[in-house]
C-alpha atoms as a PDB file:
ATOM      1  CA  MET A   1      -0.008   0.002   0.010  1.00  0.00           C
ATOM      2  CA  GLU A   2       2.839   2.372   0.688  1.00  0.00           C
ATOM      3  CA  ASP A   3       4.044   1.943  -2.886  1.00  0.00           C
ATOM      4  CA  TRP A   4       0.565   2.657  -4.221  1.00  0.00           C
ATOM      5  CA  GLU A   5       0.224   5.855  -2.233  1.00  0.00           C
ATOM      6  CA  ASP A   6       3.228   7.400  -3.931  1.00  0.00           C
ATOM      7  CA  GLU A   7       2.057   6.567  -7.456  1.00  0.00           C
ATOM      8  CA  PRO A   8      -0.621   8.700  -9.217  1.00  0.00           C
ATOM      9  CA  ILE A   9      -3.866   6.892  -9.967  1.00  0.00           C
ATOM     10  CA  THR A  10      -6.579   7.903 -12.462  1.00  0.00           C
ATOM     11  CA  PRO A  11     -10.200   8.331 -11.318  1.00  0.00           C
ATOM     12  CA  LEU A  12     -10.972   4.880 -12.760  1.00  0.00           C
ATOM     13  CA  GLY A  13      -8.332   3.200 -10.592  1.00  0.00           C
ATOM     14  CA  LYS A  14      -5.698   2.714 -13.273  1.00  0.00           C
ATOM     15  CA  LYS A  15      -2.125   3.553 -12.402  1.00  0.00           C
ATOM     16  CA  GLU A  16      -1.112   6.638 -14.348  1.00  0.00           C
ATOM     17  CA  GLU A  17       1.994   6.110 -16.423  1.00  0.00           C
ATOM     18  CA  PRO A  18       4.701   8.761 -16.290  1.00  0.00           C
ATOM     19  CA  LYS A  19       4.577  11.107 -19.207  1.00  0.00           C
ATOM     20  CA  ASN A  20       7.324  10.692 -21.753  1.00  0.00           C
ATOM     21  CA  LYS A  21       9.310  13.826 -22.427  1.00  0.00           C
ATOM     22  CA  TRP A  22       9.386  12.925 -26.119  1.00  0.00           C
ATOM     23  CA  ASP A  23       5.649  12.499 -26.634  1.00  0.00           C
ATOM     24  CA  ASP A  24       4.425  13.934 -29.903  1.00  0.00           C
ATOM     25  CA  GLU A  25       2.108  16.398 -28.173  1.00  0.00           C
ATOM     26  CA  ASP A  26       4.998  17.893 -26.176  1.00  0.00           C
ATOM     27  CA  LEU A  27       7.630  17.743 -28.901  1.00  0.00           C
ATOM     28  CA  ASP A  28       7.646  20.866 -31.030  1.00  0.00           C
ATOM     29  CA  ASP A  29      10.160  20.746 -33.861  1.00  0.00           C
ATOM     30  CA  ASP A  30      10.404  24.501 -33.838  1.00  0.00           C
ATOM     31  CA  ASN A  31      11.221  24.640 -30.138  1.00  0.00           C
ATOM     32  CA  VAL A  32      13.762  21.841 -30.450  1.00  0.00           C
ATOM     33  CA  LYS A  33      15.610  23.594 -33.289  1.00  0.00           C
ATOM     34  CA  GLU A  34      15.513  26.949 -31.489  1.00  0.00           C
ATOM     35  CA  SER A  35      16.926  25.263 -28.360  1.00  0.00           C
ATOM     36  CA  TRP A  36      19.753  23.757 -30.363  1.00  0.00           C
ATOM     37  CA  ARG A  37      20.448  27.064 -32.143  1.00  0.00           C
ATOM     38  CA  MET A  38      20.662  28.862 -28.797  1.00  0.00           C
ATOM     39  CA  LYS A  39      23.071  26.281 -27.367  1.00  0.00           C
ATOM     40  CA  MET A  40      25.213  26.354 -30.479  1.00  0.00           C
ATOM     41  CA  SER A  41      25.332  30.155 -30.432  1.00  0.00           C
ATOM     42  CA  LEU A  42      26.395  30.191 -26.792  1.00  0.00           C
ATOM     43  CA  LEU A  43      29.232  27.721 -27.532  1.00  0.00           C
ATOM     44  CA  ARG A  44      30.297  29.703 -30.578  1.00  0.00           C
ATOM     45  CA  GLU A  45      30.434  32.951 -28.579  1.00  0.00           C
ATOM     46  CA  GLY A  46      32.973  31.513 -26.127  1.00  0.00           C
ATOM     47  CA  PHE A  47      30.875  29.708 -23.494  1.00  0.00           C
ATOM     48  CA  GLY A  48      32.240  26.339 -24.578  1.00  0.00           C
ATOM     49  CA  VAL A  49      35.761  24.994 -24.790  1.00  0.00           C
ATOM     50  CA  GLY A  50      37.613  22.154 -26.397  1.00  0.00           C
ATOM     51  CA  LEU A  51      35.508  19.236 -27.529  1.00  0.00           C
ATOM     52  CA  TRP A  52      32.128  20.966 -27.194  1.00  0.00           C
ATOM     53  CA  LYS A  53      33.189  23.904 -29.343  1.00  0.00           C
ATOM     54  CA  GLU A  54      34.119  21.471 -32.125  1.00  0.00           C
ATOM     55  CA  ILE A  55      30.797  19.637 -31.708  1.00  0.00           C
ATOM     56  CA  SER A  56      28.959  22.964 -31.945  1.00  0.00           C
ATOM     57  CA  LYS A  57      30.678  23.761 -35.271  1.00  0.00           C
ATOM     58  CA  GLU A  58      29.600  20.424 -36.744  1.00  0.00           C
ATOM     59  CA  GLY A  59      26.090  20.818 -35.291  1.00  0.00           C
ATOM     60  CA  LEU A  60      25.584  24.003 -37.273  1.00  0.00           C
ATOM     61  CA  LEU A  61      26.617  22.158 -40.423  1.00  0.00           C
ATOM     62  CA  LEU A  62      24.002  19.509 -39.676  1.00  0.00           C
ATOM     63  CA  LEU A  63      21.258  22.161 -39.314  1.00  0.00           C
ATOM     64  CA  ASN A  64      22.315  23.678 -42.640  1.00  0.00           C
ATOM     65  CA  ASN A  65      21.783  20.282 -44.379  1.00  0.00           C
ATOM     66  CA  VAL A  66      18.185  20.043 -43.198  1.00  0.00           C
ATOM     67  CA  SER A  67      15.144  21.368 -45.063  1.00  0.00           C
ATOM     68  CA  PHE A  68      11.405  20.865 -44.819  1.00  0.00           C
ATOM     69  CA  SER A  69       8.834  19.236 -47.020  1.00  0.00           C
ATOM     70  CA  VAL A  70       5.535  21.089 -46.544  1.00  0.00           C
ATOM     71  CA  GLY A  71       2.344  19.107 -46.022  1.00  0.00           C
ATOM     72  CA  ASP A  72      -0.347  20.932 -44.038  1.00  0.00           C
ATOM     73  CA  GLY A  73       2.061  23.778 -43.202  1.00  0.00           C
ATOM     74  CA  LYS A  74       1.317  23.819 -39.470  1.00  0.00           C
ATOM     75  CA  ARG A  75       4.877  23.298 -38.249  1.00  0.00           C
ATOM     76  CA  VAL A  76       7.099  24.958 -40.846  1.00  0.00           C
ATOM     77  CA  ARG A  77       7.770  28.675 -40.508  1.00  0.00           C
ATOM     78  CA  PHE A  78       7.067  30.665 -43.669  1.00  0.00           C
ATOM     79  CA  TRP A  79       9.990  33.093 -43.365  1.00  0.00           C
ATOM     80  CA  LYS A  80      12.626  31.390 -41.246  1.00  0.00           C
ATOM     81  CA  ASP A  81      12.662  27.742 -42.326  1.00  0.00           C
ATOM     82  CA  THR A  82      14.114  26.357 -45.553  1.00  0.00           C
ATOM     83  CA  TRP A  83      11.100  24.959 -47.405  1.00  0.00           C
ATOM     84  CA  CYS A  84      11.100  26.814 -50.728  1.00  0.00           C
ATOM     85  CA  GLY A  85      14.505  26.945 -52.397  1.00  0.00           C
ATOM     86  CA  ASN A  86      17.917  26.514 -50.805  1.00  0.00           C
ATOM     87  CA  THR A  87      17.710  29.416 -48.349  1.00  0.00           C
ATOM     88  CA  PRO A  88      15.038  30.722 -45.955  1.00  0.00           C
ATOM     89  CA  LEU A  89      12.816  33.428 -47.400  1.00  0.00           C
ATOM     90  CA  CYS A  90      13.914  35.870 -44.702  1.00  0.00           C
ATOM     91  CA  GLU A  91      17.437  35.741 -46.181  1.00  0.00           C
ATOM     92  CA  ALA A  92      16.314  35.770 -49.806  1.00  0.00           C
ATOM     93  CA  TYR A  93      13.918  38.716 -49.310  1.00  0.00           C
ATOM     94  CA  PRO A  94      15.110  40.667 -46.267  1.00  0.00           C
ATOM     95  CA  SER A  95      13.167  43.867 -47.073  1.00  0.00           C
ATOM     96  CA  LEU A  96       9.875  41.963 -47.289  1.00  0.00           C
ATOM     97  CA  PHE A  97      10.724  40.068 -44.113  1.00  0.00           C
ATOM     98  CA  ASP A  98      11.037  43.412 -42.309  1.00  0.00           C
ATOM     99  CA  LEU A  99       7.472  44.291 -43.428  1.00  0.00           C
ATOM    100  CA  ALA A 100       5.921  40.975 -42.386  1.00  0.00           C
ATOM    101  CA  VAL A 101       3.212  41.160 -39.732  1.00  0.00           C
ATOM    102  CA  SER A 102       4.482  38.001 -38.006  1.00  0.00           C
ATOM    103  CA  LYS A 103       8.108  37.021 -38.328  1.00  0.00           C
ATOM    104  CA  ASP A 104       7.305  33.502 -36.993  1.00  0.00           C
ATOM    105  CA  ALA A 105       4.198  32.872 -39.061  1.00  0.00           C
ATOM    106  CA  ARG A 106       3.624  29.281 -40.157  1.00  0.00           C
ATOM    107  CA  VAL A 107       3.190  28.366 -43.800  1.00  0.00           C
ATOM    108  CA  ALA A 108      -0.455  27.544 -43.097  1.00  0.00           C
ATOM    109  CA  ASP A 109      -1.004  31.117 -41.823  1.00  0.00           C
ATOM    110  CA  CYS A 110       0.052  32.530 -45.206  1.00  0.00           C
ATOM    111  CA  TRP A 111      -2.173  30.212 -47.228  1.00  0.00           C
ATOM    112  CA  ASP A 112      -5.672  31.266 -48.265  1.00  0.00           C
ATOM    113  CA  SER A 113      -7.878  28.180 -48.766  1.00  0.00           C
ATOM    114  CA  MET A 114     -10.772  30.160 -50.270  1.00  0.00           C
ATOM    115  CA  GLY A 115     -11.828  28.937 -53.655  1.00  0.00           C
ATOM    116  CA  GLU A 116     -11.267  25.649 -55.361  1.00  0.00           C
ATOM    117  CA  VAL A 117      -7.478  25.781 -55.546  1.00  0.00           C
ATOM    118  CA  GLY A 118      -6.464  28.295 -52.872  1.00  0.00           C
ATOM    119  CA  GLY A 119      -3.522  30.676 -53.013  1.00  0.00           C
ATOM    120  CA  TRP A 120      -0.830  32.446 -51.082  1.00  0.00           C
ATOM    121  CA  ASN A 121      -1.633  35.498 -49.017  1.00  0.00           C
ATOM    122  CA  PRO A 122       1.288  36.569 -46.743  1.00  0.00           C
ATOM    123  CA  HIS A 123       0.404  39.495 -44.484  1.00  0.00           C
ATOM    124  CA  PHE A 124       2.390  42.716 -44.382  1.00  0.00           C
ATOM    125  CA  LEU A 125       2.304  45.827 -42.215  1.00  0.00           C
ATOM    126  CA  ARG A 126       1.564  48.368 -44.950  1.00  0.00           C
ATOM    127  CA  PRO A 127       0.884  48.671 -48.692  1.00  0.00           C
ATOM    128  CA  PHE A 128       3.921  48.416 -50.942  1.00  0.00           C
ATOM    129  CA  ASN A 129       5.699  51.255 -52.626  1.00  0.00           C
ATOM    130  CA  ASP A 130       6.273  51.243 -56.347  1.00  0.00           C
ATOM    131  CA  TRP A 131       9.922  50.080 -55.993  1.00  0.00           C
ATOM    132  CA  GLU A 132       8.878  47.214 -53.730  1.00  0.00           C
ATOM    133  CA  VAL A 133       6.279  45.665 -56.075  1.00  0.00           C
ATOM    134  CA  GLU A 134       8.896  43.949 -58.202  1.00  0.00           C
ATOM    135  CA  GLU A 135      10.361  42.090 -55.221  1.00  0.00           C
ATOM    136  CA  VAL A 136       6.870  41.009 -54.114  1.00  0.00           C
ATOM    137  CA  GLU A 137       6.308  39.612 -57.608  1.00  0.00           C
ATOM    138  CA  ARG A 138       9.536  37.631 -57.413  1.00  0.00           C
ATOM    139  CA  LEU A 139       8.456  36.179 -54.039  1.00  0.00           C
ATOM    140  CA  LEU A 140       5.050  35.127 -55.333  1.00  0.00           C
ATOM    141  CA  LEU A 141       6.677  33.650 -58.432  1.00  0.00           C
ATOM    142  CA  ILE A 142       8.912  31.482 -56.240  1.00  0.00           C
ATOM    143  CA  ILE A 143       6.152  30.130 -53.973  1.00  0.00           C
ATOM    144  CA  GLN A 144       3.324  29.799 -56.512  1.00  0.00           C
ATOM    145  CA  GLY A 145       4.422  26.272 -57.387  1.00  0.00           C
ATOM    146  CA  LYS A 146       3.936  25.085 -53.801  1.00  0.00           C
ATOM    147  CA  ARG A 147       0.594  23.862 -52.504  1.00  0.00           C
ATOM    148  CA  LEU A 148      -0.584  22.690 -49.105  1.00  0.00           C
ATOM    149  CA  ASN A 149      -1.920  19.205 -48.532  1.00  0.00           C
ATOM    150  CA  THR A 150      -4.035  18.939 -45.417  1.00  0.00           C
ATOM    151  CA  ASP A 151      -3.824  15.126 -45.505  1.00  0.00           C
ATOM    152  CA  LEU A 152      -0.029  15.139 -44.970  1.00  0.00           C
ATOM    153  CA  GLU A 153       2.073  16.418 -42.096  1.00  0.00           C
ATOM    154  CA  ASP A 154       5.172  18.510 -42.530  1.00  0.00           C
ATOM    155  CA  ARG A 155       8.366  16.494 -42.413  1.00  0.00           C
ATOM    156  CA  MET A 156      12.053  17.163 -42.096  1.00  0.00           C
ATOM    157  CA  VAL A 157      14.250  16.298 -45.075  1.00  0.00           C
ATOM    158  CA  TRP A 158      17.936  15.319 -45.011  1.00  0.00           C
ATOM    159  CA  ASN A 159      19.521  16.909 -48.095  1.00  0.00           C
ATOM    160  CA  GLU A 160      22.622  14.702 -48.317  1.00  0.00           C
ATOM    161  CA  THR A 161      20.873  11.521 -49.482  1.00  0.00           C
ATOM    162  CA  LYS A 162      18.708  10.760 -52.507  1.00  0.00           C
ATOM    163  CA  ASP A 163      15.920   9.214 -50.391  1.00  0.00           C
ATOM    164  CA  GLU A 164      16.072  12.243 -48.039  1.00  0.00           C
ATOM    165  CA  ILE A 165      16.560   9.959 -45.035  1.00  0.00           C
ATOM    166  CA  PHE A 166      19.320  10.616 -42.532  1.00  0.00           C
ATOM    167  CA  SER A 167      22.216   8.165 -42.278  1.00  0.00           C
ATOM    168  CA  VAL A 168      25.442   8.261 -40.299  1.00  0.00           C
ATOM    169  CA  LYS A 169      27.495   7.600 -43.443  1.00  0.00           C
ATOM    170  CA  SER A 170      26.026  10.563 -45.328  1.00  0.00           C
ATOM    171  CA  CYS A 171      26.466  12.754 -42.255  1.00  0.00           C
ATOM    172  CA  PHE A 172      30.160  11.774 -42.014  1.00  0.00           C
ATOM    173  CA  ASN A 173      30.687  12.395 -45.732  1.00  0.00           C
ATOM    174  CA  SER A 174      29.055  15.828 -45.507  1.00  0.00           C
ATOM    175  CA  LEU A 175      31.244  16.837 -42.558  1.00  0.00           C
ATOM    176  CA  ASP A 176      34.343  15.445 -44.272  1.00  0.00           C
ATOM    177  CA  HIS A 177      33.657  17.317 -47.536  1.00  0.00           C
ATOM    178  CA  SER A 178      32.798  20.523 -45.706  1.00  0.00           C
ATOM    179  CA  SER A 179      36.242  20.699 -44.108  1.00  0.00           C
ATOM    180  CA  ALA A 180      38.020  23.584 -45.802  1.00  0.00           C
ATOM    181  CA  VAL A 181      41.473  22.761 -44.399  1.00  0.00           C
ATOM    182  CA  PRO A 182      43.263  19.681 -45.813  1.00  0.00           C
ATOM    183  CA  PHE A 183      45.162  17.612 -43.289  1.00  0.00           C
ATOM    184  CA  PRO A 184      48.114  15.210 -43.911  1.00  0.00           C
ATOM    185  CA  TRP A 185      46.695  12.317 -41.916  1.00  0.00           C
ATOM    186  CA  ARG A 186      48.251   9.633 -44.142  1.00  0.00           C
ATOM    187  CA  ILE A 187      51.737  10.845 -43.318  1.00  0.00           C
ATOM    188  CA  ILE A 188      51.136  11.615 -39.628  1.00  0.00           C
ATOM    189  CA  TRP A 189      49.296   8.458 -38.588  1.00  0.00           C
ATOM    190  CA  SER A 190      51.950   6.177 -39.972  1.00  0.00           C
ATOM    191  CA  THR A 191      52.750   2.714 -38.648  1.00  0.00           C
ATOM    192  CA  PHE A 192      56.460   3.289 -39.277  1.00  0.00           C
ATOM    193  CA  VAL A 193      56.954   5.725 -36.383  1.00  0.00           C
ATOM    194  CA  PRO A 194      56.021   5.638 -32.683  1.00  0.00           C
ATOM    195  CA  THR A 195      52.641   7.016 -31.656  1.00  0.00           C
ATOM    196  CA  LYS A 196      54.164   9.871 -29.638  1.00  0.00           C
ATOM    197  CA  VAL A 197      55.962  11.076 -32.755  1.00  0.00           C
ATOM    198  CA  GLY A 198      52.709  11.138 -34.707  1.00  0.00           C
ATOM    199  CA  ILE A 199      50.939  12.991 -31.919  1.00  0.00           C
ATOM    200  CA  PHE A 200      53.646  15.656 -31.817  1.00  0.00           C
ATOM    201  CA  ALA A 201      53.440  16.027 -35.613  1.00  0.00           C
ATOM    202  CA  TRP A 202      49.658  16.353 -35.316  1.00  0.00           C
ATOM    203  CA  GLU A 203      50.041  19.138 -32.749  1.00  0.00           C
ATOM    204  CA  ALA A 204      52.669  20.877 -34.890  1.00  0.00           C
ATOM    205  CA  SER A 205      50.453  20.665 -37.991  1.00  0.00           C
ATOM    206  CA  TRP A 206      47.546  22.369 -36.179  1.00  0.00           C
ATOM    207  CA  GLY A 207      49.854  24.877 -34.450  1.00  0.00           C
ATOM    208  CA  LYS A 208      48.942  23.634 -30.977  1.00  0.00           C
ATOM    209  CA  VAL A 209      52.437  23.282 -29.564  1.00  0.00           C
ATOM    210  CA  LEU A 210      52.919  25.749 -26.677  1.00  0.00           C
ATOM    211  CA  THR A 211      55.571  27.956 -28.222  1.00  0.00           C
ATOM    212  CA  GLN A 212      55.875  31.594 -27.181  1.00  0.00           C
ATOM    213  CA  ASP A 213      53.545  32.867 -29.899  1.00  0.00           C
ATOM    214  CA  GLN A 214      50.816  30.506 -28.643  1.00  0.00           C
ATOM    215  CA  LEU A 215      51.355  31.634 -25.054  1.00  0.00           C
ATOM    216  CA  LYS A 216      50.978  35.283 -26.152  1.00  0.00           C
ATOM    217  CA  ARG A 217      47.686  34.408 -27.843  1.00  0.00           C
ATOM    218  CA  ARG A 218      46.489  32.964 -24.573  1.00  0.00           C
ATOM    219  CA  GLY A 219      47.191  36.171 -22.722  1.00  0.00           C
ATOM    220  CA  TRP A 220      50.711  35.743 -21.464  1.00  0.00           C
ATOM    221  CA  ASN A 221      52.682  38.972 -21.408  1.00  0.00           C
ATOM    222  CA  LEU A 222      56.172  38.079 -22.636  1.00  0.00           C
ATOM    223  CA  ALA A 223      58.709  39.064 -25.267  1.00  0.00           C
ATOM    224  CA  ASN A 224      58.683  36.544 -28.071  1.00  0.00           C
ATOM    225  CA  ARG A 225      62.244  35.606 -29.026  1.00  0.00           C
ATOM    226  CA  CYS A 226      63.513  32.248 -30.236  1.00  0.00           C
ATOM    227  CA  PRO A 227      66.000  30.858 -27.648  1.00  0.00           C
ATOM    228  CA  LEU A 228      67.830  28.906 -30.346  1.00  0.00           C
ATOM    229  CA  CYS A 229      68.793  31.723 -32.700  1.00  0.00           C
ATOM    230  CA  CYS A 230      67.762  34.868 -30.732  1.00  0.00           C
ATOM    231  CA  ASP A 231      66.903  36.519 -34.094  1.00  0.00           C
ATOM    232  CA  GLU A 232      63.326  35.479 -34.912  1.00  0.00           C
ATOM    233  CA  GLU A 233      60.096  34.973 -33.021  1.00  0.00           C
ATOM    234  CA  GLU A 234      59.548  31.532 -31.575  1.00  0.00           C
ATOM    235  CA  THR A 235      56.920  29.692 -33.624  1.00  0.00           C
ATOM    236  CA  ILE A 236      56.573  26.002 -34.333  1.00  0.00           C
ATOM    237  CA  ASN A 237      57.144  26.629 -38.054  1.00  0.00           C
ATOM    238  CA  HIS A 238      60.381  28.532 -37.310  1.00  0.00           C
ATOM    239  CA  ILE A 239      61.733  25.878 -34.962  1.00  0.00           C
ATOM    240  CA  LEU A 240      60.946  22.878 -37.155  1.00  0.00           C
ATOM    241  CA  ILE A 241      61.357  24.355 -40.657  1.00  0.00           C
ATOM    242  CA  HIS A 242      63.119  27.696 -40.891  1.00  0.00           C
ATOM    243  CA  TYR A 243      65.699  27.558 -38.075  1.00  0.00           C
ATOM    244  CA  SER A 244      69.137  27.486 -39.645  1.00  0.00           C
ATOM    245  CA  LYS A 245      70.253  24.188 -38.043  1.00  0.00           C
ATOM    246  CA  ALA A 246      66.906  22.582 -38.853  1.00  0.00           C
ATOM    247  CA  LYS A 247      67.361  23.666 -42.487  1.00  0.00           C
ATOM    248  CA  VAL A 248      70.722  21.857 -42.552  1.00  0.00           C
ATOM    249  CA  LEU A 249      68.969  18.634 -41.535  1.00  0.00           C
ATOM    250  CA  TRP A 250      66.265  19.065 -44.177  1.00  0.00           C
ATOM    251  CA  ASP A 251      68.889  19.727 -46.898  1.00  0.00           C
ATOM    252  CA  LEU A 252      70.862  16.675 -45.752  1.00  0.00           C
ATOM    253  CA  LEU A 253      67.720  14.553 -45.945  1.00  0.00           C
ATOM    254  CA  PHE A 254      66.957  15.729 -49.482  1.00  0.00           C
ATOM    255  CA  SER A 255      70.535  15.110 -50.613  1.00  0.00           C
ATOM    256  CA  LEU A 256      70.522  11.555 -49.190  1.00  0.00           C
ATOM    257  CA  PHE A 257      67.463  10.689 -51.283  1.00  0.00           C
ATOM    258  CA  GLY A 258      68.527  12.721 -54.300  1.00  0.00           C
ATOM    259  CA  VAL A 259      65.492  14.999 -54.151  1.00  0.00           C
ATOM    260  CA  ASN A 260      65.436  18.666 -55.117  1.00  0.00           C
ATOM    261  CA  SER A 261      62.799  20.463 -53.062  1.00  0.00           C
ATOM    262  CA  VAL A 262      62.022  23.777 -51.406  1.00  0.00           C
ATOM    263  CA  LEU A 263      60.430  23.763 -47.959  1.00  0.00           C
ATOM    264  CA  PRO A 264      57.008  25.417 -47.663  1.00  0.00           C
ATOM    265  CA  PHE A 265      56.193  27.920 -44.962  1.00  0.00           C
ATOM    266  CA  SER A 266      54.388  25.677 -42.456  1.00  0.00           C
ATOM    267  CA  VAL A 267      54.707  22.188 -41.023  1.00  0.00           C
ATOM    268  CA  ARG A 268      51.276  21.202 -42.388  1.00  0.00           C
ATOM    269  CA  ASP A 269      52.134  22.278 -45.967  1.00  0.00           C
ATOM    270  CA  THR A 270      55.417  20.387 -45.729  1.00  0.00           C
ATOM    271  CA  LEU A 271      53.672  17.147 -44.766  1.00  0.00           C
ATOM    272  CA  LEU A 272      50.902  17.664 -47.308  1.00  0.00           C
ATOM    273  CA  GLY A 273      53.430  17.896 -50.097  1.00  0.00           C
ATOM    274  CA  TRP A 274      55.476  14.930 -48.898  1.00  0.00           C
ATOM    275  CA  HIS A 275      54.959  12.413 -51.657  1.00  0.00           C
ATOM    276  CA  ALA A 276      56.961   9.238 -52.210  1.00  0.00           C
ATOM    277  CA  PRO A 277      58.954   9.609 -55.462  1.00  0.00           C
ATOM    278  CA  LEU A 278      60.802   6.334 -54.890  1.00  0.00           C
ATOM    279  CA  LYS A 279      59.828   3.033 -56.502  1.00  0.00           C
ATOM    280  CA  ASP A 280      61.653   0.876 -53.995  1.00  0.00           C
ATOM    281  CA  LYS A 281      59.146  -0.021 -51.246  1.00  0.00           C
ATOM    282  CA  LYS A 282      61.799  -0.244 -48.554  1.00  0.00           C
ATOM    283  CA  HIS A 283      63.208   3.192 -49.289  1.00  0.00           C
ATOM    284  CA  SER A 284      59.674   4.590 -49.704  1.00  0.00           C
ATOM    285  CA  LYS A 285      58.827   3.575 -46.178  1.00  0.00           C
ATOM    286  CA  VAL A 286      61.945   5.334 -44.889  1.00  0.00           C
ATOM    287  CA  TRP A 287      61.078   8.378 -47.003  1.00  0.00           C
ATOM    288  CA  ARG A 288      57.575   8.534 -45.505  1.00  0.00           C
ATOM    289  CA  ALA A 289      58.851   8.247 -41.948  1.00  0.00           C
ATOM    290  CA  ALA A 290      61.753  10.635 -42.436  1.00  0.00           C
ATOM    291  CA  PRO A 291      59.855  13.972 -42.008  1.00  0.00           C
ATOM    292  CA  LEU A 292      58.261  12.797 -38.772  1.00  0.00           C
ATOM    293  CA  CYS A 293      61.596  11.676 -37.345  1.00  0.00           C
ATOM    294  CA  LEU A 294      63.200  14.969 -38.340  1.00  0.00           C
ATOM    295  CA  ILE A 295      60.328  16.956 -36.796  1.00  0.00           C
ATOM    296  CA  TRP A 296      60.742  14.937 -33.597  1.00  0.00           C
ATOM    297  CA  MET A 297      64.497  15.613 -33.500  1.00  0.00           C
ATOM    298  CA  ALA A 298      64.526  19.304 -34.578  1.00  0.00           C
ATOM    299  CA  PRO A 299      63.525  20.825 -31.197  1.00  0.00           C
ATOM    300  CA  VAL A 300      66.419  18.980 -29.539  1.00  0.00           C
ATOM    301  CA  ILE A 301      68.999  20.872 -31.624  1.00  0.00           C
ATOM    302  CA  GLN A 302      70.808  23.329 -29.403  1.00  0.00           C
ATOM    303  CA  PRO A 303      73.584  25.775 -30.280  1.00  0.00           C
ATOM    304  CA  PRO A 304      76.979  25.204 -28.538  1.00  0.00           C
ATOM    305  CA  ALA A 305      77.037  26.718 -25.098  1.00  0.00           C
ATOM    306  CA  GLU A 306      79.167  29.828 -24.926  1.00  0.00           C
ATOM    307  CA  LYS A 307      81.140  30.631 -21.812  1.00  0.00           C
ATOM    308  CA  PRO A 308      80.034  33.883 -20.206  1.00  0.00           C
ATOM    309  CA  PRO A 309      82.629  36.690 -20.262  1.00  0.00           C
ATOM    310  CA  LYS A 310      84.629  37.054 -17.071  1.00  0.00           C
ATOM    311  CA  LYS A 311      84.001  40.061 -14.895  1.00  0.00           C
ATOM    312  CA  PRO A 312      86.900  42.432 -14.015  1.00  0.00           C
ATOM    313  CA  VAL A 313      86.819  41.321 -10.379  1.00  0.00           C
ATOM    314  CA  GLU A 314      87.147  37.668 -11.416  1.00  0.00           C
ATOM    315  CA  LYS A 315      90.054  38.503 -13.695  1.00  0.00           C
ATOM    316  CA  ALA A 316      91.902  40.348 -10.887  1.00  0.00           C
ATOM    317  CA  THR A 317      91.294  37.456  -8.495  1.00  0.00           C
ATOM    318  CA  GLU A 318      92.592  35.000 -11.042  1.00  0.00           C
ATOM    319  CA  LYS A 319      95.796  37.043 -11.606  1.00  0.00           C
ATOM    320  CA  LYS A 320      96.292  37.372  -7.829  1.00  0.00           C
ATOM    321  CA  GLY A 321      95.908  33.608  -7.402  1.00  0.00           C
ATOM    322  CA  LYS A 322      98.484  32.892 -10.100  1.00  0.00           C
ATOM    323  CA  ALA A 323     100.946  35.339  -8.477  1.00  0.00           C
ATOM    324  CA  VAL A 324     100.572  33.680  -5.072  1.00  0.00           C
ATOM    325  CA  GLU A 325     101.160  30.236  -6.642  1.00  0.00           C
ATOM    326  CA  ALA A 326     104.321  31.523  -8.319  1.00  0.00           C
ATOM    327  CA  VAL A 327     105.694  33.045  -5.072  1.00  0.00           C
ATOM    328  CA  THR A 328     104.889  29.851  -3.162  1.00  0.00           C
ATOM    329  CA  GLU A 329     106.783  27.756  -5.670  1.00  0.00           C
ATOM    330  CA  VAL A 330     109.824  30.056  -5.501  1.00  0.00           C
ATOM    331  CA  THR A 331     109.958  30.138  -1.672  1.00  0.00           C
ATOM    332  CA  LEU A 332     109.152  26.507  -1.012  1.00  0.00           C
ATOM    333  CA  ASP A 333     111.220  24.824  -3.707  1.00  0.00           C
ATOM    334  CA  PRO A 334     114.653  25.112  -1.849  1.00  0.00           C
ATOM    335  CA  VAL A 335     113.172  23.819   1.395  1.00  0.00           C
ATOM    336  CA  ALA A 336     111.534  20.893  -0.345  1.00  0.00           C
ATOM    337  CA  GLU A 337     114.805  20.088  -2.082  1.00  0.00           C
ATOM    338  CA  LYS A 338     116.725  19.913   1.233  1.00  0.00           C
ATOM    339  CA  ILE A 339     114.110  17.638   2.812  1.00  0.00           C
ATOM    340  CA  ARG A 340     114.305  15.355  -0.218  1.00  0.00           C
ATOM    341  CA  GLN A 341     118.117  15.157   0.052  1.00  0.00           C
ATOM    342  CA  GLN A 342     118.026  14.363   3.781  1.00  0.00           C
ATOM    343  CA  ARG A 343     115.575  11.489   3.196  1.00  0.00           C
ATOM    344  CA  CYS A 344     117.778  10.061   0.489  1.00  0.00           C
ATOM    345  CA  THR A 345     120.847  10.058   2.758  1.00  0.00           C
END
């Protein structure tokens, strides 16, 4: 009985089942999308870090690959959703969107079902000026081919597949093709080098190594100067590619394989252009692993340590010490010689 008292019961005596958060009557596609847009915008504005920022970027790409197929028009927004063409009408006709009575009007609200066929009747705040009539005509020309069907519900369409149904494979392909920055993953994630070498090359390719320029970007107040050459700013591209002693290693590597090449500006471009010109498989494997090994070794290169100049006080002390040693040798040598002679006799 104690268990029954805590559970809600209907007037007919049936135990009331807990309401599902994802019931159709509570799930509004519009609210869900707005909630996701708000969360993505917060992450994009700096309220998220690391992994979640990257997820937010891909989430926006997913939303951009979604459109709507209009049925009864009760869920799709006339101005803000992509249902007619490749862009929302608010972006295609911004001046008309500013004059709309309701910015969030549904498609069904802009449809006049009077007559046998029906027609479109979007509502605006005022009559149009002469120079605005042409844009209204273009809008009506775009939407006149669309009709509402009260027997069908609005549905969401995935634009990356022919059957308009979402799949993980199509999602991965869309995210992969949308990447504007090429990445040398075939060279970096090689089985011919240790994993730690590949990870360091990955960080260097993305510019994530904590050199002084990266520390300054993160708010550190310091003077950026390369400790190896003391001439240039310390960046990962300078240390691994353009530092004079690193250049010697790159030139030596090219001469060993008989390759004439000019190094690009960045580590990423260097690895992207690292093709295997050798037919011998054994030497090709060495050639593919060579840049990663050189990148791993380059930061270890140090210039020969120079002795600091002696101060005047140190020089005077050194001269005084030498003079004392000389006097001691002169005064003690006869005494030592006599003692040595006595021991011998």
